[in-house]
Amino acid sequence: MKANDFDSKFESGEDITKYLDFSNAKRPEQEQKRVNVDFPVWMIHSLDKEAKRLGVPRQSLIKVLVAEHIQKATA
């Protein structure tokens, strides 16, 4: 299919997903990389308490807290 035809289908609101191959799709800067961080026990207890209060896993809470801090620091 030519790019113009593809664009026309998209612009007209047609579902174009059948023309796309998502098997090798990647989200830039979204790859996961494992890191190890040592926290003091008191901090783990505080993280676990807050994670339980919010109903989320500890790892998710840490990601959110770090992301919020980075956003504030770079704003």
PDB file of N, CA and C in Angstrom:
ATOM      1  N   MET A   1       0.844  -1.169   0.000  1.00  0.00           N
ATOM      2  CA  MET A   1       0.000   0.000   0.000  1.00  0.00           C
ATOM      3  C   MET A   1       0.892   1.236   0.000  1.00  0.00           C
ATOM      4  N   LYS A   2       0.518   2.207  -0.783  1.00  0.00           N
ATOM      5  CA  LYS A   2       1.282   3.447  -0.856  1.00  0.00           C
ATOM      6  C   LYS A   2       0.962   4.330   0.341  1.00  0.00           C
ATOM      7  N   ALA A   3       1.907   5.161   0.689  1.00  0.00           N
ATOM      8  CA  ALA A   3       1.754   6.040   1.852  1.00  0.00           C
ATOM      9  C   ALA A   3       0.528   6.933   1.718  1.00  0.00           C
ATOM     10  N   ASN A   4       0.269   7.441   0.527  1.00  0.00           N
ATOM     11  CA  ASN A   4      -0.903   8.308   0.326  1.00  0.00           C
ATOM     12  C   ASN A   4      -2.204   7.562   0.617  1.00  0.00           C
ATOM     13  N   ASP A   5      -2.286   6.304   0.193  1.00  0.00           N
ATOM     14  CA  ASP A   5      -3.480   5.497   0.461  1.00  0.00           C
ATOM     15  C   ASP A   5      -3.634   5.253   1.964  1.00  0.00           C
ATOM     16  N   PHE A   6      -2.519   4.935   2.604  1.00  0.00           N
ATOM     17  CA  PHE A   6      -2.527   4.705   4.045  1.00  0.00           C
ATOM     18  C   PHE A   6      -2.992   5.965   4.768  1.00  0.00           C
ATOM     19  N   ASP A   7      -2.419   7.111   4.409  1.00  0.00           N
ATOM     20  CA  ASP A   7      -2.794   8.386   5.019  1.00  0.00           C
ATOM     21  C   ASP A   7      -4.269   8.692   4.822  1.00  0.00           C
ATOM     22  N   SER A   8      -4.775   8.426   3.637  1.00  0.00           N
ATOM     23  CA  SER A   8      -6.192   8.689   3.339  1.00  0.00           C
ATOM     24  C   SER A   8      -7.096   7.839   4.225  1.00  0.00           C
ATOM     25  N   LYS A   9      -6.749   6.576   4.374  1.00  0.00           N
ATOM     26  CA  LYS A   9      -7.536   5.696   5.236  1.00  0.00           C
ATOM     27  C   LYS A   9      -7.520   6.201   6.674  1.00  0.00           C
ATOM     28  N   PHE A  10      -6.343   6.595   7.144  1.00  0.00           N
ATOM     29  CA  PHE A  10      -6.223   7.111   8.512  1.00  0.00           C
ATOM     30  C   PHE A  10      -7.042   8.381   8.677  1.00  0.00           C
ATOM     31  N   GLU A  11      -6.898   9.313   7.749  1.00  0.00           N
ATOM     32  CA  GLU A  11      -7.598  10.590   7.828  1.00  0.00           C
ATOM     33  C   GLU A  11      -9.117  10.424   7.775  1.00  0.00           C
ATOM     34  N   SER A  12      -9.588   9.397   7.077  1.00  0.00           N
ATOM     35  CA  SER A  12     -11.031   9.187   6.978  1.00  0.00           C
ATOM     36  C   SER A  12     -11.592   8.459   8.196  1.00  0.00           C
ATOM     37  N   GLY A  13     -10.703   8.070   9.106  1.00  0.00           N
ATOM     38  CA  GLY A  13     -11.146   7.413  10.332  1.00  0.00           C
ATOM     39  C   GLY A  13     -11.226   5.904  10.233  1.00  0.00           C
ATOM     40  N   GLU A  14     -10.751   5.348   9.147  1.00  0.00           N
ATOM     41  CA  GLU A  14     -10.778   3.894   8.981  1.00  0.00           C
ATOM     42  C   GLU A  14      -9.791   3.246   9.957  1.00  0.00           C
ATOM     43  N   ASP A  15     -10.146   2.061  10.426  1.00  0.00           N
ATOM     44  CA  ASP A  15      -9.250   1.306  11.309  1.00  0.00           C
ATOM     45  C   ASP A  15      -8.073   0.797  10.471  1.00  0.00           C
ATOM     46  N   ILE A  16      -6.900   1.350  10.734  1.00  0.00           N
ATOM     47  CA  ILE A  16      -5.721   1.005   9.935  1.00  0.00           C
ATOM     48  C   ILE A  16      -4.844  -0.052  10.604  1.00  0.00           C
ATOM     49  N   THR A  17      -5.259  -0.537  11.773  1.00  0.00           N
ATOM     50  CA  THR A  17      -4.404  -1.477  12.499  1.00  0.00           C
ATOM     51  C   THR A  17      -4.154  -2.761  11.717  1.00  0.00           C
ATOM     52  N   LYS A  18      -5.087  -3.136  10.821  1.00  0.00           N
ATOM     53  CA  LYS A  18      -4.871  -4.358  10.042  1.00  0.00           C
ATOM     54  C   LYS A  18      -3.716  -4.199   9.054  1.00  0.00           C
ATOM     55  N   TYR A  19      -3.291  -2.982   8.813  1.00  0.00           N
ATOM     56  CA  TYR A  19      -2.177  -2.718   7.894  1.00  0.00           C
ATOM     57  C   TYR A  19      -0.831  -2.564   8.625  1.00  0.00           C
ATOM     58  N   LEU A  20      -0.861  -2.661   9.938  1.00  0.00           N
ATOM     59  CA  LEU A  20       0.354  -2.443  10.727  1.00  0.00           C
ATOM     60  C   LEU A  20       0.872  -3.753  11.299  1.00  0.00           C
ATOM     61  N   ASP A  21       2.187  -3.834  11.427  1.00  0.00           N
ATOM     62  CA  ASP A  21       2.838  -4.986  12.043  1.00  0.00           C
ATOM     63  C   ASP A  21       3.409  -4.530  13.384  1.00  0.00           C
ATOM     64  N   PHE A  22       2.765  -4.951  14.465  1.00  0.00           N
ATOM     65  CA  PHE A  22       3.179  -4.530  15.799  1.00  0.00           C
ATOM     66  C   PHE A  22       4.201  -5.479  16.426  1.00  0.00           C
ATOM     67  N   SER A  23       4.589  -6.520  15.723  1.00  0.00           N
ATOM     68  CA  SER A  23       5.457  -7.537  16.312  1.00  0.00           C
ATOM     69  C   SER A  23       6.822  -6.998  16.733  1.00  0.00           C
ATOM     70  N   ASN A  24       7.304  -5.983  16.059  1.00  0.00           N
ATOM     71  CA  ASN A  24       8.605  -5.414  16.421  1.00  0.00           C
ATOM     72  C   ASN A  24       8.494  -3.975  16.923  1.00  0.00           C
ATOM     73  N   ALA A  25       7.285  -3.577  17.279  1.00  0.00           N
ATOM     74  CA  ALA A  25       7.077  -2.197  17.745  1.00  0.00           C
ATOM     75  C   ALA A  25       7.752  -1.998  19.099  1.00  0.00           C
ATOM     76  N   LYS A  26       8.341  -0.841  19.264  1.00  0.00           N
ATOM     77  CA  LYS A  26       9.004  -0.480  20.524  1.00  0.00           C
ATOM     78  C   LYS A  26       8.605   0.925  20.903  1.00  0.00           C
ATOM     79  N   ARG A  27       8.545   1.174  22.192  1.00  0.00           N
ATOM     80  CA  ARG A  27       8.267   2.513  22.693  1.00  0.00           C
ATOM     81  C   ARG A  27       9.607   3.106  23.128  1.00  0.00           C
ATOM     82  N   PRO A  28      10.078   4.124  22.445  1.00  0.00           N
ATOM     83  CA  PRO A  28      11.380   4.712  22.779  1.00  0.00           C
ATOM     84  C   PRO A  28      11.452   5.149  24.244  1.00  0.00           C
ATOM     85  N   GLU A  29      12.565   4.887  24.844  1.00  0.00           N
ATOM     86  CA  GLU A  29      12.843   5.262  26.228  1.00  0.00           C
ATOM     87  C   GLU A  29      11.927   4.561  27.229  1.00  0.00           C
ATOM     88  N   GLN A  30      11.224   3.518  26.809  1.00  0.00           N
ATOM     89  CA  GLN A  30      10.328   2.795  27.714  1.00  0.00           C
ATOM     90  C   GLN A  30      10.827   1.384  28.024  1.00  0.00           C
ATOM     91  N   GLU A  31      11.986   1.022  27.499  1.00  0.00           N
ATOM     92  CA  GLU A  31      12.523  -0.297  27.792  1.00  0.00           C
ATOM     93  C   GLU A  31      12.789  -0.393  29.294  1.00  0.00           C
ATOM     94  N   GLN A  32      12.667  -1.596  29.807  1.00  0.00           N
ATOM     95  CA  GLN A  32      12.910  -1.811  31.228  1.00  0.00           C
ATOM     96  C   GLN A  32      14.362  -2.207  31.452  1.00  0.00           C
ATOM     97  N   LYS A  33      14.945  -1.705  32.518  1.00  0.00           N
ATOM     98  CA  LYS A  33      16.293  -2.100  32.910  1.00  0.00           C
ATOM     99  C   LYS A  33      16.282  -2.302  34.418  1.00  0.00           C
ATOM    100  N   ARG A  34      16.751  -3.450  34.833  1.00  0.00           N
ATOM    101  CA  ARG A  34      16.747  -3.776  36.258  1.00  0.00           C
ATOM    102  C   ARG A  34      17.903  -3.059  36.963  1.00  0.00           C
ATOM    103  N   VAL A  35      17.591  -2.489  38.110  1.00  0.00           N
ATOM    104  CA  VAL A  35      18.603  -1.887  38.967  1.00  0.00           C
ATOM    105  C   VAL A  35      18.385  -2.388  40.392  1.00  0.00           C
ATOM    106  N   ASN A  36      19.438  -2.438  41.137  1.00  0.00           N
ATOM    107  CA  ASN A  36      19.346  -2.847  42.536  1.00  0.00           C
ATOM    108  C   ASN A  36      19.626  -1.636  43.416  1.00  0.00           C
ATOM    109  N   VAL A  37      18.763  -1.424  44.383  1.00  0.00           N
ATOM    110  CA  VAL A  37      18.923  -0.308  45.315  1.00  0.00           C
ATOM    111  C   VAL A  37      18.782  -0.859  46.723  1.00  0.00           C
ATOM    112  N   ASP A  38      19.698  -0.506  47.580  1.00  0.00           N
ATOM    113  CA  ASP A  38      19.614  -0.917  48.982  1.00  0.00           C
ATOM    114  C   ASP A  38      18.968   0.205  49.781  1.00  0.00           C
ATOM    115  N   PHE A  39      17.899  -0.132  50.508  1.00  0.00           N
ATOM    116  CA  PHE A  39      17.202   0.822  51.361  1.00  0.00           C
ATOM    117  C   PHE A  39      17.364   0.400  52.813  1.00  0.00           C
ATOM    118  N   PRO A  40      17.397   1.359  53.729  1.00  0.00           N
ATOM    119  CA  PRO A  40      17.379   0.998  55.148  1.00  0.00           C
ATOM    120  C   PRO A  40      16.038   0.333  55.495  1.00  0.00           C
ATOM    121  N   VAL A  41      16.049  -0.511  56.505  1.00  0.00           N
ATOM    122  CA  VAL A  41      14.849  -1.252  56.885  1.00  0.00           C
ATOM    123  C   VAL A  41      13.689  -0.320  57.215  1.00  0.00           C
ATOM    124  N   TRP A  42      13.964   0.782  57.912  1.00  0.00           N
ATOM    125  CA  TRP A  42      12.875   1.698  58.273  1.00  0.00           C
ATOM    126  C   TRP A  42      12.185   2.245  57.013  1.00  0.00           C
ATOM    127  N   MET A  43      12.969   2.456  55.954  1.00  0.00           N
ATOM    128  CA  MET A  43      12.408   2.985  54.717  1.00  0.00           C
ATOM    129  C   MET A  43      11.550   1.926  54.027  1.00  0.00           C
ATOM    130  N   ILE A  44      11.988   0.681  54.050  1.00  0.00           N
ATOM    131  CA  ILE A  44      11.199  -0.414  53.480  1.00  0.00           C
ATOM    132  C   ILE A  44       9.866  -0.527  54.211  1.00  0.00           C
ATOM    133  N   HIS A  45       9.907  -0.424  55.526  1.00  0.00           N
ATOM    134  CA  HIS A  45       8.664  -0.494  56.304  1.00  0.00           C
ATOM    135  C   HIS A  45       7.721   0.652  55.924  1.00  0.00           C
ATOM    136  N   SER A  46       8.270   1.839  55.776  1.00  0.00           N
ATOM    137  CA  SER A  46       7.445   2.991  55.387  1.00  0.00           C
ATOM    138  C   SER A  46       6.889   2.820  53.981  1.00  0.00           C
ATOM    139  N   LEU A  47       7.713   2.338  53.062  1.00  0.00           N
ATOM    140  CA  LEU A  47       7.255   2.091  51.695  1.00  0.00           C
ATOM    141  C   LEU A  47       6.150   1.042  51.673  1.00  0.00           C
ATOM    142  N   ASP A  48       6.340  -0.033  52.430  1.00  0.00           N
ATOM    143  CA  ASP A  48       5.337  -1.097  52.468  1.00  0.00           C
ATOM    144  C   ASP A  48       4.019  -0.598  53.056  1.00  0.00           C
ATOM    145  N   LYS A  49       4.107   0.212  54.090  1.00  0.00           N
ATOM    146  CA  LYS A  49       2.900   0.761  54.713  1.00  0.00           C
ATOM    147  C   LYS A  49       2.133   1.637  53.724  1.00  0.00           C
ATOM    148  N   GLU A  50       2.847   2.496  53.003  1.00  0.00           N
ATOM    149  CA  GLU A  50       2.208   3.383  52.024  1.00  0.00           C
ATOM    150  C   GLU A  50       1.680   2.593  50.834  1.00  0.00           C
ATOM    151  N   ALA A  51       2.441   1.612  50.383  1.00  0.00           N
ATOM    152  CA  ALA A  51       1.991   0.783  49.265  1.00  0.00           C
ATOM    153  C   ALA A  51       0.710   0.039  49.642  1.00  0.00           C
ATOM    154  N   LYS A  52       0.655  -0.478  50.844  1.00  0.00           N
ATOM    155  CA  LYS A  52      -0.549  -1.179  51.299  1.00  0.00           C
ATOM    156  C   LYS A  52      -1.727  -0.217  51.378  1.00  0.00           C
ATOM    157  N   ARG A  53      -1.489   0.980  51.887  1.00  0.00           N
ATOM    158  CA  ARG A  53      -2.560   1.976  51.987  1.00  0.00           C
ATOM    159  C   ARG A  53      -3.134   2.303  50.612  1.00  0.00           C
ATOM    160  N   LEU A  54      -2.250   2.400  49.615  1.00  0.00           N
ATOM    161  CA  LEU A  54      -2.673   2.728  48.252  1.00  0.00           C
ATOM    162  C   LEU A  54      -3.141   1.503  47.461  1.00  0.00           C
ATOM    163  N   GLY A  55      -2.839   0.325  47.964  1.00  0.00           N
ATOM    164  CA  GLY A  55      -3.225  -0.905  47.272  1.00  0.00           C
ATOM    165  C   GLY A  55      -2.386  -1.181  46.036  1.00  0.00           C
ATOM    166  N   VAL A  56      -1.101  -0.844  46.109  1.00  0.00           N
ATOM    167  CA  VAL A  56      -0.204  -1.063  44.976  1.00  0.00           C
ATOM    168  C   VAL A  56       1.040  -1.811  45.471  1.00  0.00           C
ATOM    169  N   PRO A  57       1.763  -2.472  44.569  1.00  0.00           N
ATOM    170  CA  PRO A  57       3.016  -3.119  44.973  1.00  0.00           C
ATOM    171  C   PRO A  57       4.094  -2.082  45.323  1.00  0.00           C
ATOM    172  N   ARG A  58       5.012  -2.492  46.160  1.00  0.00           N
ATOM    173  CA  ARG A  58       6.104  -1.613  46.569  1.00  0.00           C
ATOM    174  C   ARG A  58       6.852  -1.056  45.366  1.00  0.00           C
ATOM    175  N   GLN A  59       7.148  -1.908  44.394  1.00  0.00           N
ATOM    176  CA  GLN A  59       7.908  -1.477  43.226  1.00  0.00           C
ATOM    177  C   GLN A  59       7.180  -0.361  42.474  1.00  0.00           C
ATOM    178  N   SER A  60       5.874  -0.483  42.346  1.00  0.00           N
ATOM    179  CA  SER A  60       5.097   0.549  41.658  1.00  0.00           C
ATOM    180  C   SER A  60       5.158   1.870  42.414  1.00  0.00           C
ATOM    181  N   LEU A  61       5.053   1.802  43.725  1.00  0.00           N
ATOM    182  CA  LEU A  61       5.135   3.016  44.532  1.00  0.00           C
ATOM    183  C   LEU A  61       6.498   3.684  44.360  1.00  0.00           C
ATOM    184  N   ILE A  62       7.564   2.897  44.388  1.00  0.00           N
ATOM    185  CA  ILE A  62       8.909   3.460  44.220  1.00  0.00           C
ATOM    186  C   ILE A  62       9.037   4.137  42.859  1.00  0.00           C
ATOM    187  N   LYS A  63       8.529   3.507  41.810  1.00  0.00           N
ATOM    188  CA  LYS A  63       8.592   4.096  40.465  1.00  0.00           C
ATOM    189  C   LYS A  63       7.864   5.432  40.416  1.00  0.00           C
ATOM    190  N   VAL A  64       6.678   5.482  41.023  1.00  0.00           N
ATOM    191  CA  VAL A  64       5.896   6.723  41.019  1.00  0.00           C
ATOM    192  C   VAL A  64       6.624   7.813  41.792  1.00  0.00           C
ATOM    193  N   LEU A  65       7.142   7.480  42.954  1.00  0.00           N
ATOM    194  CA  LEU A  65       7.836   8.477  43.769  1.00  0.00           C
ATOM    195  C   LEU A  65       9.079   9.016  43.064  1.00  0.00           C
ATOM    196  N   VAL A  66       9.843   8.138  42.453  1.00  0.00           N
ATOM    197  CA  VAL A  66      11.042   8.572  41.729  1.00  0.00           C
ATOM    198  C   VAL A  66      10.650   9.439  40.530  1.00  0.00           C
ATOM    199  N   ALA A  67       9.636   9.016  39.777  1.00  0.00           N
ATOM    200  CA  ALA A  67       9.188   9.782  38.609  1.00  0.00           C
ATOM    201  C   ALA A  67       8.706  11.173  39.020  1.00  0.00           C
ATOM    202  N   GLU A  68       7.935  11.257  40.113  1.00  0.00           N
ATOM    203  CA  GLU A  68       7.467  12.568  40.582  1.00  0.00           C
ATOM    204  C   GLU A  68       8.626  13.474  40.967  1.00  0.00           C
ATOM    205  N   HIS A  69       9.603  12.906  41.638  1.00  0.00           N
ATOM    206  CA  HIS A  69      10.765  13.692  42.055  1.00  0.00           C
ATOM    207  C   HIS A  69      11.540  14.205  40.833  1.00  0.00           C
ATOM    208  N   ILE A  70      11.731  13.342  39.851  1.00  0.00           N
ATOM    209  CA  ILE A  70      12.462  13.737  38.633  1.00  0.00           C
ATOM    210  C   ILE A  70      11.702  14.843  37.898  1.00  0.00           C
ATOM    211  N   GLN A  71      10.376  14.709  37.801  1.00  0.00           N
ATOM    212  CA  GLN A  71       9.584  15.729  37.117  1.00  0.00           C
ATOM    213  C   GLN A  71       9.694  17.078  37.823  1.00  0.00           C
ATOM    214  N   LYS A  72       9.632  17.062  39.154  1.00  0.00           N
ATOM    215  CA  LYS A  72       9.764  18.319  39.907  1.00  0.00           C
ATOM    216  C   LYS A  72      11.157  18.916  39.729  1.00  0.00           C
ATOM    217  N   ALA A  73      12.166  18.062  39.742  1.00  0.00           N
ATOM    218  CA  ALA A  73      13.542  18.549  39.656  1.00  0.00           C
ATOM    219  C   ALA A  73      13.877  19.106  38.268  1.00  0.00           C
ATOM    220  N   THR A  74      13.212  18.598  37.233  1.00  0.00           N
ATOM    221  CA  THR A  74      13.527  19.034  35.874  1.00  0.00           C
ATOM    222  C   THR A  74      12.541  20.073  35.347  1.00  0.00           C
ATOM    223  N   ALA A  75      11.566  20.437  36.161  1.00  0.00           N
ATOM    224  CA  ALA A  75      10.552  21.416  35.717  1.00  0.00           C
ATOM    225  C   ALA A  75      11.073  22.846  35.808  1.00  0.00           C
TER     226      ALA A  75
END
